[in-house]
Amino acid sequence: MHGESEPAGSSALAPRSAGSAELAEASPFQTGGVGLYDHSDRDPFPRSAGMWAGATGLILTVILGGALIALNPAFSNGKAGGSSNQLGQAAAAGPELAPGSPAADGAALIPSKQCPGCHTIPGIQGANGTVGPNLAGVAGRTKIAGGAVDNRGPDDLKAWIMDPPSKKPGTAMPKLGLTDDEATKIAAYLETLK
């Protein structure tokens, strides 16, 4: 036990001869308890080897990371953050909507559809998808669907969300099965995102 004194003659350390009472010279690198000797003269590597190996590793990591970024074509052509259609203002509070208006009804309808799973839509709670383009400012764009579809007003937006594959064959956006009324209301809301 800790509180009891050890009996004389029993020790976990090997006995020392009378001439070895003084330990090796003090060193700032030497830590530990009584009875530890400095064996650095027999070490295969100097004390500074670990420091240099670590510093070299950090420097090589920074150089390799920089080379990977510099050689990545997505960074050089500006596509690393997404296409121009996907980039938009950060999702924020949506526009002011008059209660009972088609745009307000569209804003209430969007969360119940598949839209929030793929798109970031300002003003729509939980609409922070990153698969499709960010819809911030969609009403101000002259082209949508990666530039394949004209966007001259709510009728073009409505036609697009009613049947995307008919407007752009091979698109990843599915036909959502919206009614004409639902598509009109959703397009009215999207038209407020300028």
N, C-alpha and C. Protein backbone atom coordinates (compact mmCIF):
# COMPACT_ATOMS: atom_id res chain seq x y z
N MET A 1 0.83 -1.18 0.00
CA MET A 1 0.00 0.00 0.00
C MET A 1 0.87 1.24 0.00
N HIS A 2 0.25 2.33 -0.39
CA HIS A 2 1.02 3.57 -0.49
C HIS A 2 1.45 4.11 0.87
N GLY A 3 0.65 3.97 1.86
CA GLY A 3 0.96 4.56 3.16
C GLY A 3 1.99 3.79 3.96
N GLU A 4 2.21 2.56 3.58
CA GLU A 4 3.14 1.73 4.35
C GLU A 4 4.56 1.91 3.82
N SER A 5 5.52 1.83 4.72
CA SER A 5 6.90 1.93 4.28
C SER A 5 7.38 0.56 3.82
N GLU A 6 8.32 0.58 2.88
CA GLU A 6 8.83 -0.68 2.35
C GLU A 6 9.83 -1.28 3.34
N PRO A 7 9.81 -2.58 3.46
CA PRO A 7 10.80 -3.21 4.35
C PRO A 7 12.21 -3.01 3.81
N ALA A 8 13.15 -2.94 4.67
CA ALA A 8 14.54 -2.72 4.28
C ALA A 8 15.02 -3.86 3.40
N GLY A 9 15.75 -3.53 2.38
CA GLY A 9 16.35 -4.54 1.52
C GLY A 9 15.45 -4.95 0.36
N SER A 10 14.17 -4.59 0.35
CA SER A 10 13.31 -4.97 -0.78
C SER A 10 13.08 -3.74 -1.63
N SER A 11 13.43 -3.83 -2.86
CA SER A 11 13.27 -2.70 -3.76
C SER A 11 13.05 -3.23 -5.17
N ALA A 12 12.26 -2.49 -5.94
CA ALA A 12 11.99 -2.89 -7.32
C ALA A 12 13.17 -2.54 -8.22
N LEU A 13 14.03 -1.61 -7.76
CA LEU A 13 15.18 -1.20 -8.55
C LEU A 13 16.40 -2.02 -8.16
N ALA A 14 17.26 -2.20 -9.15
CA ALA A 14 18.49 -2.94 -8.87
C ALA A 14 19.37 -2.13 -7.93
N PRO A 15 20.05 -2.78 -7.06
CA PRO A 15 20.93 -2.04 -6.14
C PRO A 15 22.08 -1.37 -6.89
N ARG A 16 22.53 -0.21 -6.39
CA ARG A 16 23.62 0.53 -6.99
C ARG A 16 24.86 0.38 -6.13
N SER A 17 25.94 0.47 -6.83
CA SER A 17 27.19 0.46 -6.07
C SER A 17 27.37 1.83 -5.44
N ALA A 18 28.19 1.94 -4.45
CA ALA A 18 28.39 3.18 -3.71
C ALA A 18 28.91 4.30 -4.61
N GLY A 19 29.66 4.00 -5.65
CA GLY A 19 30.24 5.02 -6.52
C GLY A 19 29.24 5.58 -7.54
N SER A 20 28.11 4.95 -7.68
CA SER A 20 27.17 5.41 -8.71
C SER A 20 26.02 6.20 -8.10
N ALA A 21 26.22 6.82 -6.99
CA ALA A 21 25.16 7.55 -6.31
C ALA A 21 24.69 8.75 -7.12
N GLU A 22 25.59 9.35 -7.86
CA GLU A 22 25.20 10.52 -8.64
C GLU A 22 24.79 10.08 -10.04
N LEU A 23 23.65 10.55 -10.47
CA LEU A 23 23.14 10.17 -11.80
C LEU A 23 23.89 10.93 -12.88
N ALA A 24 23.59 10.56 -14.10
CA ALA A 24 24.21 11.24 -15.23
C ALA A 24 23.79 12.70 -15.23
N GLU A 25 24.47 13.50 -16.01
CA GLU A 25 24.21 14.94 -16.03
C GLU A 25 22.73 15.22 -16.33
N ALA A 26 22.24 16.32 -15.79
CA ALA A 26 20.84 16.70 -15.98
C ALA A 26 20.62 17.11 -17.43
N SER A 27 19.44 16.78 -17.96
CA SER A 27 19.11 17.10 -19.34
C SER A 27 17.66 17.57 -19.39
N PRO A 28 17.35 18.57 -20.22
CA PRO A 28 15.96 19.00 -20.31
C PRO A 28 15.07 17.95 -20.98
N PHE A 29 15.67 16.99 -21.72
CA PHE A 29 14.90 15.96 -22.39
C PHE A 29 14.66 14.76 -21.49
N GLN A 30 15.37 14.66 -20.42
CA GLN A 30 15.28 13.49 -19.57
C GLN A 30 14.18 13.70 -18.54
N THR A 31 13.23 12.82 -18.57
CA THR A 31 12.15 12.88 -17.58
C THR A 31 12.01 11.51 -16.96
N GLY A 32 11.31 11.44 -15.90
CA GLY A 32 11.11 10.16 -15.25
C GLY A 32 11.42 10.28 -13.78
N GLY A 33 11.60 9.16 -13.16
CA GLY A 33 11.81 9.14 -11.72
C GLY A 33 13.25 8.87 -11.34
N VAL A 34 13.45 8.62 -10.09
CA VAL A 34 14.78 8.34 -9.55
C VAL A 34 15.29 7.03 -10.14
N GLY A 35 16.54 6.99 -10.46
CA GLY A 35 17.15 5.76 -10.93
C GLY A 35 17.24 5.67 -12.44
N LEU A 36 16.79 6.69 -13.17
CA LEU A 36 16.89 6.65 -14.63
C LEU A 36 18.22 7.25 -15.04
N TYR A 37 18.89 6.55 -15.88
CA TYR A 37 20.18 7.02 -16.36
C TYR A 37 20.05 7.52 -17.79
N ASP A 38 20.92 8.42 -18.18
CA ASP A 38 20.93 8.94 -19.54
C ASP A 38 21.67 7.95 -20.42
N HIS A 39 20.92 7.32 -21.33
CA HIS A 39 21.51 6.35 -22.24
C HIS A 39 21.58 6.89 -23.66
N SER A 40 21.50 8.21 -23.81
CA SER A 40 21.46 8.79 -25.15
C SER A 40 22.74 8.51 -25.94
N ASP A 41 23.82 8.28 -25.29
CA ASP A 41 25.05 8.00 -26.02
C ASP A 41 24.99 6.64 -26.72
N ARG A 42 24.06 5.77 -26.30
CA ARG A 42 23.92 4.46 -26.94
C ARG A 42 22.71 4.38 -27.87
N ASP A 43 21.94 5.47 -28.00
CA ASP A 43 20.78 5.47 -28.89
C ASP A 43 21.26 5.47 -30.33
N PRO A 44 20.55 4.75 -31.23
CA PRO A 44 20.98 4.71 -32.63
C PRO A 44 20.72 6.03 -33.37
N PHE A 45 19.83 6.88 -32.85
CA PHE A 45 19.50 8.13 -33.51
C PHE A 45 19.70 9.28 -32.53
N PRO A 46 20.10 10.42 -33.04
CA PRO A 46 20.23 11.58 -32.14
C PRO A 46 18.85 12.05 -31.67
N ARG A 47 18.82 12.80 -30.58
CA ARG A 47 17.55 13.28 -30.03
C ARG A 47 16.76 14.11 -31.03
N SER A 48 17.41 14.84 -31.85
CA SER A 48 16.72 15.73 -32.79
C SER A 48 16.13 14.99 -33.99
N ALA A 49 16.42 13.70 -34.16
CA ALA A 49 15.94 12.97 -35.33
C ALA A 49 14.41 12.95 -35.37
N GLY A 50 13.75 12.73 -34.24
CA GLY A 50 12.29 12.71 -34.22
C GLY A 50 11.69 14.05 -34.59
N MET A 51 12.31 15.12 -34.09
CA MET A 51 11.83 16.45 -34.41
C MET A 51 11.95 16.71 -35.91
N TRP A 52 13.09 16.35 -36.50
CA TRP A 52 13.28 16.58 -37.93
C TRP A 52 12.37 15.70 -38.77
N ALA A 53 12.14 14.46 -38.33
CA ALA A 53 11.22 13.58 -39.07
C ALA A 53 9.81 14.15 -39.05
N GLY A 54 9.36 14.66 -37.91
CA GLY A 54 8.03 15.26 -37.81
C GLY A 54 7.90 16.51 -38.65
N ALA A 55 8.90 17.39 -38.58
CA ALA A 55 8.86 18.63 -39.37
C ALA A 55 8.88 18.32 -40.87
N THR A 56 9.68 17.34 -41.27
CA THR A 56 9.72 16.94 -42.67
C THR A 56 8.38 16.39 -43.12
N GLY A 57 7.74 15.58 -42.27
CA GLY A 57 6.42 15.03 -42.59
C GLY A 57 5.38 16.12 -42.77
N LEU A 58 5.39 17.12 -41.90
CA LEU A 58 4.44 18.23 -42.03
C LEU A 58 4.67 19.02 -43.32
N ILE A 59 5.93 19.29 -43.62
CA ILE A 59 6.26 20.05 -44.82
C ILE A 59 5.83 19.28 -46.07
N LEU A 60 6.10 17.98 -46.12
CA LEU A 60 5.71 17.17 -47.26
C LEU A 60 4.19 17.10 -47.40
N THR A 61 3.47 17.06 -46.29
CA THR A 61 2.01 17.04 -46.33
C THR A 61 1.47 18.33 -46.92
N VAL A 62 2.02 19.46 -46.52
CA VAL A 62 1.58 20.75 -47.06
C VAL A 62 1.88 20.83 -48.56
N ILE A 63 3.06 20.38 -48.96
CA ILE A 63 3.44 20.42 -50.38
C ILE A 63 2.54 19.51 -51.20
N LEU A 64 2.29 18.29 -50.73
CA LEU A 64 1.43 17.35 -51.44
C LEU A 64 0.00 17.87 -51.53
N GLY A 65 -0.53 18.42 -50.43
CA GLY A 65 -1.88 19.00 -50.46
C GLY A 65 -1.97 20.14 -51.46
N GLY A 66 -0.99 21.02 -51.47
CA GLY A 66 -0.97 22.12 -52.43
C GLY A 66 -0.90 21.62 -53.87
N ALA A 67 -0.10 20.59 -54.10
CA ALA A 67 0.01 20.03 -55.46
C ALA A 67 -1.31 19.41 -55.89
N LEU A 68 -2.00 18.70 -55.00
CA LEU A 68 -3.28 18.10 -55.36
C LEU A 68 -4.32 19.17 -55.69
N ILE A 69 -4.32 20.24 -54.94
CA ILE A 69 -5.26 21.33 -55.23
C ILE A 69 -4.90 22.00 -56.55
N ALA A 70 -3.63 22.26 -56.76
CA ALA A 70 -3.19 22.94 -57.98
C ALA A 70 -3.45 22.09 -59.23
N LEU A 71 -3.33 20.78 -59.11
CA LEU A 71 -3.50 19.90 -60.26
C LEU A 71 -4.94 19.45 -60.48
N ASN A 72 -5.83 19.75 -59.56
CA ASN A 72 -7.23 19.34 -59.68
C ASN A 72 -7.91 20.23 -60.72
N PRO A 73 -8.41 19.66 -61.81
CA PRO A 73 -9.00 20.48 -62.86
C PRO A 73 -10.25 21.23 -62.39
N ALA A 74 -10.93 20.74 -61.36
CA ALA A 74 -12.13 21.43 -60.88
C ALA A 74 -11.78 22.81 -60.32
N PHE A 75 -10.60 22.96 -59.76
CA PHE A 75 -10.20 24.25 -59.22
C PHE A 75 -9.76 25.20 -60.33
N SER A 76 -9.09 24.67 -61.34
CA SER A 76 -8.59 25.54 -62.41
C SER A 76 -9.69 26.03 -63.33
N ASN A 77 -10.78 25.25 -63.50
CA ASN A 77 -11.84 25.71 -64.39
C ASN A 77 -13.01 26.33 -63.63
N GLY A 78 -12.88 26.48 -62.32
CA GLY A 78 -13.89 27.17 -61.54
C GLY A 78 -15.10 26.33 -61.17
N LYS A 79 -15.05 25.02 -61.37
CA LYS A 79 -16.21 24.17 -61.08
C LYS A 79 -16.13 23.51 -59.71
N ALA A 80 -15.16 23.84 -58.90
CA ALA A 80 -15.00 23.19 -57.61
C ALA A 80 -16.16 23.46 -56.67
N GLY A 81 -16.78 24.61 -56.78
CA GLY A 81 -17.90 24.94 -55.90
C GLY A 81 -19.24 24.62 -56.52
N GLY A 82 -19.28 24.05 -57.71
CA GLY A 82 -20.52 23.74 -58.39
C GLY A 82 -20.61 24.53 -59.68
N SER A 83 -21.59 24.17 -60.48
CA SER A 83 -21.77 24.89 -61.74
C SER A 83 -22.40 26.25 -61.47
N SER A 84 -22.43 27.08 -62.48
CA SER A 84 -22.98 28.41 -62.29
C SER A 84 -24.46 28.34 -61.94
N ASN A 85 -25.15 27.31 -62.38
CA ASN A 85 -26.55 27.14 -62.01
C ASN A 85 -26.70 26.72 -60.56
N GLN A 86 -25.75 26.00 -60.04
CA GLN A 86 -25.84 25.52 -58.67
C GLN A 86 -25.42 26.58 -57.66
N LEU A 87 -24.59 27.50 -58.08
CA LEU A 87 -24.14 28.53 -57.17
C LEU A 87 -25.20 29.60 -57.07
N GLY A 88 -25.44 30.05 -55.90
CA GLY A 88 -26.41 31.11 -55.70
C GLY A 88 -26.17 31.72 -54.35
N GLN A 89 -27.02 32.61 -53.98
CA GLN A 89 -26.89 33.20 -52.67
C GLN A 89 -27.18 32.14 -51.62
N ALA A 90 -26.60 32.31 -50.46
CA ALA A 90 -26.83 31.36 -49.39
C ALA A 90 -28.31 31.36 -49.03
N ALA A 91 -28.80 30.18 -48.66
CA ALA A 91 -30.20 30.08 -48.30
C ALA A 91 -30.49 31.02 -47.14
N ALA A 92 -31.45 31.82 -47.33
CA ALA A 92 -31.80 32.82 -46.32
C ALA A 92 -33.31 32.86 -46.20
N ALA A 93 -33.76 33.83 -45.48
CA ALA A 93 -35.19 34.01 -45.36
C ALA A 93 -35.76 34.28 -46.74
N GLY A 94 -36.91 33.72 -47.00
CA GLY A 94 -37.53 33.89 -48.30
C GLY A 94 -38.20 35.26 -48.42
N PRO A 95 -38.82 35.47 -49.54
CA PRO A 95 -39.48 36.74 -49.78
C PRO A 95 -40.73 36.91 -48.92
N GLU A 96 -41.17 38.14 -48.76
CA GLU A 96 -42.41 38.42 -48.06
C GLU A 96 -43.56 37.97 -48.95
N LEU A 97 -44.45 37.15 -48.39
CA LEU A 97 -45.57 36.63 -49.17
C LEU A 97 -46.89 37.04 -48.53
N ALA A 98 -47.82 37.42 -49.37
CA ALA A 98 -49.15 37.76 -48.86
C ALA A 98 -49.88 36.46 -48.51
N PRO A 99 -50.41 36.37 -47.30
CA PRO A 99 -51.13 35.15 -46.91
C PRO A 99 -52.27 34.84 -47.89
N GLY A 100 -52.40 33.58 -48.27
CA GLY A 100 -53.45 33.17 -49.19
C GLY A 100 -53.12 33.35 -50.65
N SER A 101 -51.97 33.97 -50.95
CA SER A 101 -51.59 34.17 -52.35
C SER A 101 -51.09 32.84 -52.93
N PRO A 102 -51.10 32.70 -54.26
CA PRO A 102 -50.57 31.47 -54.86
C PRO A 102 -49.12 31.21 -54.45
N ALA A 103 -48.32 32.28 -54.32
CA ALA A 103 -46.92 32.10 -53.92
C ALA A 103 -46.83 31.55 -52.50
N ALA A 104 -47.67 32.05 -51.59
CA ALA A 104 -47.68 31.55 -50.20
C ALA A 104 -48.15 30.10 -50.17
N ASP A 105 -49.15 29.78 -51.00
CA ASP A 105 -49.61 28.38 -51.08
C ASP A 105 -48.50 27.48 -51.63
N GLY A 106 -47.75 27.99 -52.62
CA GLY A 106 -46.63 27.23 -53.17
C GLY A 106 -45.55 26.99 -52.14
N ALA A 107 -45.25 28.02 -51.32
CA ALA A 107 -44.25 27.87 -50.26
C ALA A 107 -44.68 26.83 -49.24
N ALA A 108 -45.98 26.76 -48.97
CA ALA A 108 -46.49 25.76 -48.03
C ALA A 108 -46.50 24.37 -48.66
N LEU A 109 -46.63 24.29 -49.96
CA LEU A 109 -46.71 23.02 -50.67
C LEU A 109 -45.33 22.38 -50.90
N ILE A 110 -44.32 23.18 -51.14
CA ILE A 110 -42.98 22.67 -51.50
C ILE A 110 -42.42 21.67 -50.48
N PRO A 111 -42.51 21.91 -49.15
CA PRO A 111 -41.93 20.93 -48.23
C PRO A 111 -42.58 19.54 -48.29
N SER A 112 -43.80 19.45 -48.79
CA SER A 112 -44.47 18.15 -48.86
C SER A 112 -44.11 17.40 -50.14
N LYS A 113 -43.40 18.03 -51.03
CA LYS A 113 -42.98 17.39 -52.28
C LYS A 113 -41.51 16.99 -52.17
N GLN A 114 -40.94 16.52 -53.26
CA GLN A 114 -39.55 16.04 -53.24
C GLN A 114 -38.53 17.15 -53.40
N CYS A 115 -38.96 18.36 -53.65
CA CYS A 115 -38.06 19.48 -53.95
C CYS A 115 -36.96 19.68 -52.90
N PRO A 116 -37.27 19.72 -51.58
CA PRO A 116 -36.23 20.02 -50.57
C PRO A 116 -35.13 18.96 -50.49
N GLY A 117 -35.40 17.75 -50.97
CA GLY A 117 -34.37 16.72 -50.92
C GLY A 117 -33.23 16.96 -51.88
N CYS A 118 -33.49 17.72 -52.94
CA CYS A 118 -32.46 17.95 -53.95
C CYS A 118 -32.01 19.40 -54.06
N HIS A 119 -32.89 20.33 -53.69
CA HIS A 119 -32.59 21.75 -53.90
C HIS A 119 -32.50 22.52 -52.59
N THR A 120 -31.65 23.55 -52.60
CA THR A 120 -31.66 24.55 -51.54
C THR A 120 -32.61 25.64 -52.02
N ILE A 121 -33.65 25.90 -51.21
CA ILE A 121 -34.67 26.86 -51.61
C ILE A 121 -34.83 27.88 -50.49
N PRO A 122 -34.46 29.12 -50.73
CA PRO A 122 -34.60 30.15 -49.69
C PRO A 122 -36.05 30.27 -49.22
N GLY A 123 -36.21 30.37 -47.91
CA GLY A 123 -37.53 30.56 -47.33
C GLY A 123 -38.28 29.27 -47.06
N ILE A 124 -37.72 28.13 -47.45
CA ILE A 124 -38.38 26.84 -47.24
C ILE A 124 -37.60 26.07 -46.18
N GLN A 125 -38.24 25.82 -45.05
CA GLN A 125 -37.61 25.10 -43.94
C GLN A 125 -37.18 23.70 -44.41
N GLY A 126 -35.94 23.34 -44.18
CA GLY A 126 -35.42 22.01 -44.50
C GLY A 126 -35.03 21.82 -45.96
N ALA A 127 -35.20 22.83 -46.78
CA ALA A 127 -34.82 22.71 -48.20
C ALA A 127 -33.36 23.09 -48.35
N ASN A 128 -32.49 22.13 -48.05
CA ASN A 128 -31.05 22.38 -48.13
C ASN A 128 -30.34 21.29 -48.91
N GLY A 129 -31.02 20.73 -49.90
CA GLY A 129 -30.43 19.69 -50.74
C GLY A 129 -29.31 20.26 -51.60
N THR A 130 -28.40 19.38 -51.97
CA THR A 130 -27.25 19.82 -52.79
C THR A 130 -27.13 19.01 -54.08
N VAL A 131 -28.10 18.14 -54.35
CA VAL A 131 -28.04 17.33 -55.57
C VAL A 131 -28.36 18.20 -56.78
N GLY A 132 -29.43 18.97 -56.69
CA GLY A 132 -29.82 19.86 -57.78
C GLY A 132 -29.31 21.26 -57.52
N PRO A 133 -29.58 22.17 -58.46
CA PRO A 133 -29.09 23.54 -58.29
C PRO A 133 -29.77 24.28 -57.15
N ASN A 134 -29.07 25.24 -56.60
CA ASN A 134 -29.62 26.14 -55.60
C ASN A 134 -30.63 27.03 -56.32
N LEU A 135 -31.83 27.14 -55.77
CA LEU A 135 -32.86 27.90 -56.46
C LEU A 135 -32.92 29.37 -56.06
N ALA A 136 -31.94 29.83 -55.30
CA ALA A 136 -31.88 31.26 -54.98
C ALA A 136 -31.67 32.02 -56.29
N GLY A 137 -32.54 32.96 -56.57
CA GLY A 137 -32.42 33.76 -57.77
C GLY A 137 -32.89 33.07 -59.04
N VAL A 138 -33.62 31.96 -58.93
CA VAL A 138 -34.03 31.21 -60.12
C VAL A 138 -34.91 32.04 -61.05
N ALA A 139 -35.73 32.92 -60.50
CA ALA A 139 -36.62 33.72 -61.35
C ALA A 139 -35.84 34.75 -62.17
N GLY A 140 -34.65 35.10 -61.75
CA GLY A 140 -33.84 36.06 -62.47
C GLY A 140 -32.97 35.44 -63.55
N ARG A 141 -32.99 34.13 -63.67
CA ARG A 141 -32.16 33.44 -64.67
C ARG A 141 -32.92 33.36 -66.00
N THR A 142 -32.24 33.60 -67.08
CA THR A 142 -32.89 33.50 -68.40
C THR A 142 -32.93 32.06 -68.90
N LYS A 143 -32.06 31.22 -68.34
CA LYS A 143 -32.02 29.80 -68.70
C LYS A 143 -31.99 28.99 -67.41
N ILE A 144 -32.64 27.84 -67.44
CA ILE A 144 -32.60 26.90 -66.32
C ILE A 144 -32.23 25.53 -66.86
N ALA A 145 -32.10 24.57 -65.99
CA ALA A 145 -31.76 23.19 -66.39
C ALA A 145 -30.42 23.15 -67.11
N GLY A 146 -29.44 23.81 -66.53
CA GLY A 146 -28.10 23.80 -67.11
C GLY A 146 -28.02 24.53 -68.44
N GLY A 147 -28.93 25.48 -68.64
CA GLY A 147 -28.92 26.26 -69.88
C GLY A 147 -29.74 25.66 -70.99
N ALA A 148 -30.43 24.54 -70.73
CA ALA A 148 -31.18 23.85 -71.79
C ALA A 148 -32.61 24.36 -71.96
N VAL A 149 -33.13 25.06 -70.96
CA VAL A 149 -34.54 25.46 -70.99
C VAL A 149 -34.63 26.97 -70.78
N ASP A 150 -35.42 27.62 -71.63
CA ASP A 150 -35.65 29.06 -71.46
C ASP A 150 -36.48 29.31 -70.21
N ASN A 151 -36.24 30.46 -69.60
CA ASN A 151 -37.00 30.85 -68.41
C ASN A 151 -37.43 32.31 -68.59
N ARG A 152 -38.58 32.48 -69.25
CA ARG A 152 -39.09 33.83 -69.50
C ARG A 152 -40.24 34.21 -68.58
N GLY A 153 -40.51 33.37 -67.58
CA GLY A 153 -41.61 33.71 -66.67
C GLY A 153 -42.18 32.47 -66.01
N PRO A 154 -43.27 32.66 -65.25
CA PRO A 154 -43.83 31.55 -64.49
C PRO A 154 -44.32 30.39 -65.35
N ASP A 155 -44.74 30.67 -66.59
CA ASP A 155 -45.20 29.58 -67.45
C ASP A 155 -44.06 28.63 -67.81
N ASP A 156 -42.87 29.19 -68.06
CA ASP A 156 -41.71 28.33 -68.35
C ASP A 156 -41.31 27.52 -67.13
N LEU A 157 -41.32 28.15 -65.95
CA LEU A 157 -41.01 27.41 -64.72
C LEU A 157 -42.03 26.30 -64.49
N LYS A 158 -43.29 26.61 -64.71
CA LYS A 158 -44.36 25.62 -64.51
C LYS A 158 -44.19 24.45 -65.48
N ALA A 159 -43.93 24.74 -66.73
CA ALA A 159 -43.74 23.68 -67.72
C ALA A 159 -42.55 22.79 -67.35
N TRP A 160 -41.51 23.40 -66.84
CA TRP A 160 -40.32 22.64 -66.42
C TRP A 160 -40.64 21.73 -65.24
N ILE A 161 -41.29 22.25 -64.21
CA ILE A 161 -41.52 21.39 -63.03
C ILE A 161 -42.64 20.38 -63.26
N MET A 162 -43.51 20.61 -64.24
CA MET A 162 -44.55 19.63 -64.56
C MET A 162 -43.95 18.37 -65.20
N ASP A 163 -43.00 18.56 -66.13
CA ASP A 163 -42.45 17.41 -66.86
C ASP A 163 -41.02 17.71 -67.32
N PRO A 164 -40.05 17.65 -66.39
CA PRO A 164 -38.66 17.96 -66.76
C PRO A 164 -38.09 17.11 -67.89
N PRO A 165 -38.33 15.78 -67.92
CA PRO A 165 -37.74 14.99 -69.01
C PRO A 165 -38.22 15.38 -70.40
N SER A 166 -39.42 15.95 -70.51
CA SER A 166 -39.89 16.36 -71.84
C SER A 166 -39.19 17.62 -72.31
N LYS A 167 -38.72 18.45 -71.38
CA LYS A 167 -38.01 19.69 -71.73
C LYS A 167 -36.52 19.47 -71.93
N LYS A 168 -35.98 18.51 -71.16
CA LYS A 168 -34.55 18.21 -71.27
C LYS A 168 -34.37 16.70 -71.09
N PRO A 169 -34.39 15.95 -72.19
CA PRO A 169 -34.24 14.49 -72.07
C PRO A 169 -32.93 14.13 -71.37
N GLY A 170 -33.01 13.15 -70.49
CA GLY A 170 -31.84 12.69 -69.75
C GLY A 170 -31.58 13.46 -68.47
N THR A 171 -32.43 14.43 -68.13
CA THR A 171 -32.23 15.19 -66.91
C THR A 171 -32.36 14.30 -65.69
N ALA A 172 -31.66 14.68 -64.63
CA ALA A 172 -31.75 13.93 -63.37
C ALA A 172 -33.02 14.28 -62.61
N MET A 173 -33.66 15.39 -62.96
CA MET A 173 -34.88 15.79 -62.27
C MET A 173 -36.05 14.95 -62.76
N PRO A 174 -36.72 14.27 -61.84
CA PRO A 174 -37.81 13.38 -62.26
C PRO A 174 -39.12 14.12 -62.48
N LYS A 175 -40.03 13.44 -63.14
CA LYS A 175 -41.40 13.95 -63.26
C LYS A 175 -42.04 13.69 -61.91
N LEU A 176 -42.50 14.75 -61.25
CA LEU A 176 -42.96 14.64 -59.86
C LEU A 176 -44.44 14.28 -59.72
N GLY A 177 -45.17 14.28 -60.80
CA GLY A 177 -46.59 13.95 -60.72
C GLY A 177 -47.42 15.06 -60.09
N LEU A 178 -47.01 16.30 -60.31
CA LEU A 178 -47.74 17.43 -59.75
C LEU A 178 -49.03 17.68 -60.55
N THR A 179 -50.04 18.14 -59.84
CA THR A 179 -51.25 18.58 -60.54
C THR A 179 -50.96 19.95 -61.15
N ASP A 180 -51.84 20.38 -62.05
CA ASP A 180 -51.67 21.69 -62.67
C ASP A 180 -51.73 22.79 -61.61
N ASP A 181 -52.63 22.65 -60.65
CA ASP A 181 -52.76 23.66 -59.59
C ASP A 181 -51.51 23.71 -58.71
N GLU A 182 -50.97 22.53 -58.35
CA GLU A 182 -49.76 22.49 -57.53
C GLU A 182 -48.58 23.13 -58.27
N ALA A 183 -48.44 22.80 -59.54
CA ALA A 183 -47.34 23.37 -60.33
C ALA A 183 -47.48 24.88 -60.46
N THR A 184 -48.70 25.36 -60.62
CA THR A 184 -48.93 26.81 -60.71
C THR A 184 -48.50 27.50 -59.42
N LYS A 185 -48.86 26.94 -58.27
CA LYS A 185 -48.51 27.54 -56.98
C LYS A 185 -47.01 27.49 -56.73
N ILE A 186 -46.38 26.36 -57.04
CA ILE A 186 -44.93 26.24 -56.83
C ILE A 186 -44.20 27.21 -57.76
N ALA A 187 -44.63 27.31 -59.00
CA ALA A 187 -44.01 28.26 -59.94
C ALA A 187 -44.21 29.69 -59.45
N ALA A 188 -45.37 29.97 -58.86
CA ALA A 188 -45.61 31.33 -58.32
C ALA A 188 -44.62 31.64 -57.20
N TYR A 189 -44.33 30.66 -56.35
CA TYR A 189 -43.34 30.89 -55.29
C TYR A 189 -41.95 31.06 -55.89
N LEU A 190 -41.58 30.19 -56.82
CA LEU A 190 -40.24 30.28 -57.42
C LEU A 190 -40.06 31.62 -58.15
N GLU A 191 -41.14 32.15 -58.68
CA GLU A 191 -41.08 33.43 -59.38
C GLU A 191 -40.74 34.58 -58.43
N THR A 192 -40.92 34.39 -57.13
CA THR A 192 -40.57 35.43 -56.15
C THR A 192 -39.08 35.41 -55.82
N LEU A 193 -38.38 34.38 -56.22
CA LEU A 193 -36.94 34.23 -55.91
C LEU A 193 -36.11 34.89 -57.00
N LYS A 194 -35.99 36.18 -56.93
CA LYS A 194 -35.25 36.93 -57.96
C LYS A 194 -33.86 37.29 -57.49
